[in-house]
Amino acid sequence: MQMKRMAVSMTLLGGLAATPALAALKPGDPAPDFTSEASVGGKDFSFSLADALKRGPVVLYFYPKSFTKGCTIEAHEFAEAADSFAAAGATLIGMSKDTIETQRKFSSEECRDKFPVAADPALSVIRSYDAVRIAPTASGEIVSDRISYVIGPDGKVLYSYVDPAPDKHIENTLAVVKQWREQHKN
């Protein structure tokens, strides 16, 4: 399965060698707790996973780099679906290794003030979620892979999805959140 995913990744990237996350957390795994600097609508705050989980499931999606083509497309699509995630009781947050200054601008311009993005320039949260990828550049920059997680209020991973293309991340995570909501109506 890992080899197939790597082959698909290389095909989608036009043959550029990218090292995808090889060990994304699986359903049932405990989600590492974290608190991170984040921004929504250009305003900074401290995002706490533990606090967000008290309100319901959390959709945590990692993306390689703010203001790049695929990451901008993904941010737009998550922004369009933000109300649907909220209606299903989920908190939505994106994260990359970008600085809080970059995230402040990205949250307003590309996330359209609809949901927060967190900064992890030290890669500590990204590493704890097995979301590290070496970018296909001459410098081999370390970034986060494109991985989406749905984390249940119990702190366990309900769903994980790894794909360098942003296409299915929103659809898949929203379906899981809606299914969770249906099972937890009371």
Protein backbone atom coordinates (compact mmCIF):
# COMPACT_ATOMS: atom_id res chain seq x y z
CA MET A 1 0.00 0.00 0.00
CA GLN A 2 2.82 2.41 0.89
CA MET A 3 4.63 1.68 -2.37
CA LYS A 4 1.43 2.18 -4.34
CA ARG A 5 0.81 5.51 -2.59
CA MET A 6 4.38 6.60 -3.37
CA ALA A 7 3.96 5.62 -7.02
CA VAL A 8 0.69 7.53 -7.25
CA SER A 9 2.35 10.53 -5.60
CA MET A 10 5.19 10.50 -8.08
CA THR A 11 2.79 10.17 -11.01
CA LEU A 12 0.66 13.06 -9.78
CA LEU A 13 3.72 15.20 -9.31
CA GLY A 14 4.86 14.57 -12.85
CA GLY A 15 7.68 12.32 -11.78
CA LEU A 16 9.23 14.78 -9.33
CA ALA A 17 10.60 12.85 -6.39
CA ALA A 18 8.69 13.71 -3.25
CA THR A 19 8.93 11.80 -0.03
CA PRO A 20 5.37 11.44 1.28
CA ALA A 21 4.54 10.81 4.88
CA LEU A 22 5.10 7.10 5.20
CA ALA A 23 3.35 6.54 8.50
CA ALA A 24 0.31 8.79 8.77
CA LEU A 25 -1.60 8.17 11.97
CA LYS A 26 -4.32 5.57 11.54
CA PRO A 27 -7.92 5.47 12.79
CA GLY A 28 -7.91 4.59 16.48
CA ASP A 29 -4.47 6.12 17.11
CA PRO A 30 -4.32 8.81 19.78
CA ALA A 31 -4.00 12.26 18.22
CA PRO A 32 -1.06 14.14 19.75
CA ASP A 33 -2.30 17.09 21.78
CA PHE A 34 -0.92 20.51 20.86
CA THR A 35 -1.35 24.21 21.31
CA SER A 36 -0.19 26.41 18.46
CA GLU A 37 -0.18 30.00 17.30
CA ALA A 38 -2.94 30.42 14.76
CA SER A 39 -4.73 33.14 12.87
CA VAL A 40 -8.26 33.56 11.57
CA GLY A 41 -9.33 36.62 9.67
CA GLY A 42 -5.86 38.07 10.22
CA LYS A 43 -6.21 37.94 14.01
CA ASP A 44 -3.83 35.79 16.04
CA PHE A 45 -4.85 33.48 18.87
CA SER A 46 -3.66 30.34 20.61
CA PHE A 47 -5.34 27.20 19.22
CA SER A 48 -5.64 24.32 21.67
CA LEU A 49 -6.61 20.91 20.31
CA ALA A 50 -7.83 19.81 23.75
CA ASP A 51 -10.14 22.83 24.03
CA ALA A 52 -11.48 22.39 20.48
CA LEU A 53 -12.24 18.70 21.12
CA LYS A 54 -14.52 19.69 24.02
CA ARG A 55 -16.89 21.12 21.38
CA GLY A 56 -16.81 18.17 18.98
CA PRO A 57 -14.59 16.61 16.31
CA VAL A 58 -11.67 18.52 14.82
CA VAL A 59 -10.63 18.44 11.18
CA LEU A 60 -6.89 19.10 11.17
CA TYR A 61 -5.38 19.37 7.74
CA PHE A 62 -1.72 19.77 6.97
CA TYR A 63 -0.57 21.45 3.78
CA PRO A 64 2.92 22.11 2.39
CA LYS A 65 3.13 25.88 1.94
CA SER A 66 0.80 28.86 2.06
CA PHE A 67 0.18 30.72 -1.19
CA THR A 68 1.21 27.84 -3.44
CA LYS A 69 -1.21 26.64 -6.11
CA GLY A 70 -2.48 23.42 -4.52
CA CYS A 71 -2.58 24.86 -1.01
CA THR A 72 -4.53 27.90 -2.17
CA ILE A 73 -7.05 25.69 -4.00
CA GLU A 74 -7.44 23.56 -0.87
CA ALA A 75 -7.89 26.64 1.36
CA HIS A 76 -10.58 28.01 -0.98
CA GLU A 77 -12.44 24.69 -0.96
CA PHE A 78 -12.24 24.36 2.84
CA ALA A 79 -13.48 27.98 3.12
CA GLU A 80 -16.46 27.15 0.89
CA ALA A 81 -17.28 24.14 3.09
CA ALA A 82 -16.54 25.83 6.46
CA ASP A 83 -20.22 26.40 7.24
CA SER A 84 -20.99 22.72 6.52
CA PHE A 85 -18.24 21.61 8.90
CA ALA A 86 -19.57 23.98 11.58
CA ALA A 87 -23.15 22.76 11.03
CA ALA A 88 -21.93 19.21 11.66
CA GLY A 89 -20.28 20.38 14.89
CA ALA A 90 -16.66 20.21 13.73
CA THR A 91 -13.82 22.63 14.23
CA LEU A 92 -11.67 23.14 11.16
CA ILE A 93 -7.99 24.14 11.26
CA GLY A 94 -5.17 24.04 8.71
CA MET A 95 -1.47 23.89 9.55
CA SER A 96 1.82 24.32 7.73
CA LYS A 97 5.37 25.20 8.68
CA ASP A 98 4.80 28.80 7.62
CA THR A 99 5.30 31.57 10.18
CA ILE A 100 2.42 33.23 11.98
CA GLU A 101 3.01 36.34 9.87
CA THR A 102 2.41 34.33 6.70
CA GLN A 103 -0.56 32.52 8.24
CA ARG A 104 -2.11 35.83 9.28
CA LYS A 105 -2.18 36.94 5.63
CA PHE A 106 -3.18 33.47 4.31
CA SER A 107 -6.10 33.26 6.76
CA SER A 108 -7.59 36.45 5.39
CA GLU A 109 -6.78 36.17 1.72
CA GLU A 110 -7.08 32.46 0.93
CA CYS A 111 -9.07 31.04 3.85
CA ARG A 112 -11.43 33.98 3.39
CA ASP A 113 -11.73 34.61 7.14
CA LYS A 114 -13.70 31.34 7.45
CA PHE A 115 -11.33 29.15 9.48
CA PRO A 116 -7.95 29.37 11.23
CA VAL A 117 -4.55 28.26 10.05
CA ALA A 118 -1.78 27.45 12.51
CA ALA A 119 1.94 28.07 12.29
CA ASP A 120 4.44 25.28 12.98
CA PRO A 121 7.80 26.62 11.76
CA ALA A 122 9.68 24.23 14.08
CA LEU A 123 7.74 21.27 12.57
CA SER A 124 6.98 19.90 16.05
CA VAL A 125 3.26 19.26 15.49
CA ILE A 126 3.86 18.22 11.88
CA ARG A 127 6.39 15.61 13.06
CA SER A 128 4.11 14.36 15.85
CA TYR A 129 1.39 13.69 13.23
CA ASP A 130 3.80 11.89 10.87
CA ALA A 131 3.17 14.61 8.29
CA VAL A 132 6.74 15.46 7.20
CA ARG A 133 7.65 15.57 3.53
CA ILE A 134 10.79 16.66 1.74
CA ALA A 135 9.75 19.07 -1.01
CA PRO A 136 10.83 18.26 -4.56
CA THR A 137 13.16 21.25 -4.82
CA ALA A 138 16.89 21.55 -5.20
CA SER A 139 17.15 22.54 -1.53
CA GLY A 140 15.02 19.57 -0.39
CA GLU A 141 13.06 21.83 1.95
CA ILE A 142 11.17 20.01 4.68
CA VAL A 143 7.46 20.82 4.64
CA SER A 144 4.31 19.09 5.75
CA ASP A 145 2.67 16.54 3.52
CA ARG A 146 -0.93 17.05 2.44
CA ILE A 147 -2.70 15.00 5.11
CA SER A 148 -6.16 15.50 6.55
CA TYR A 149 -7.24 14.08 9.88
CA VAL A 150 -10.61 13.91 11.58
CA ILE A 151 -10.09 13.66 15.33
CA GLY A 152 -12.93 12.56 17.58
CA PRO A 153 -13.79 14.31 20.86
CA ASP A 154 -12.15 11.36 22.64
CA GLY A 155 -8.80 12.43 21.15
CA LYS A 156 -8.55 9.48 18.77
CA VAL A 157 -8.06 9.67 15.03
CA LEU A 158 -11.33 8.83 13.26
CA TYR A 159 -9.95 9.23 9.74
CA SER A 160 -6.76 10.08 7.91
CA TYR A 161 -6.28 10.84 4.25
CA VAL A 162 -2.97 11.37 2.46
CA ASP A 163 -2.91 12.66 -1.10
CA PRO A 164 -0.72 15.34 -2.69
CA ALA A 165 -3.74 16.51 -4.69
CA PRO A 166 -6.17 18.68 -2.71
CA ASP A 167 -9.23 17.36 -4.57
CA LYS A 168 -10.75 14.85 -2.12
CA HIS A 169 -9.61 16.19 1.26
CA ILE A 170 -12.67 18.38 1.82
CA GLU A 171 -15.23 15.90 0.51
CA ASN A 172 -13.78 12.97 2.46
CA THR A 173 -13.36 14.72 5.80
CA LEU A 174 -16.80 16.32 5.62
CA ALA A 175 -18.37 12.91 4.94
CA VAL A 176 -16.64 11.47 8.02
CA VAL A 177 -17.74 14.40 10.19
CA LYS A 178 -21.34 14.06 8.99
CA GLN A 179 -21.26 10.32 9.65
CA TRP A 180 -19.89 10.96 13.15
CA ARG A 181 -22.62 13.54 13.79
CA GLU A 182 -25.32 11.09 12.62
CA GLN A 183 -24.02 8.48 15.06
CA HIS A 184 -23.84 10.99 17.95
CA LYS A 185 -27.11 12.89 17.64
CA ASN A 186 -27.75 12.75 21.37
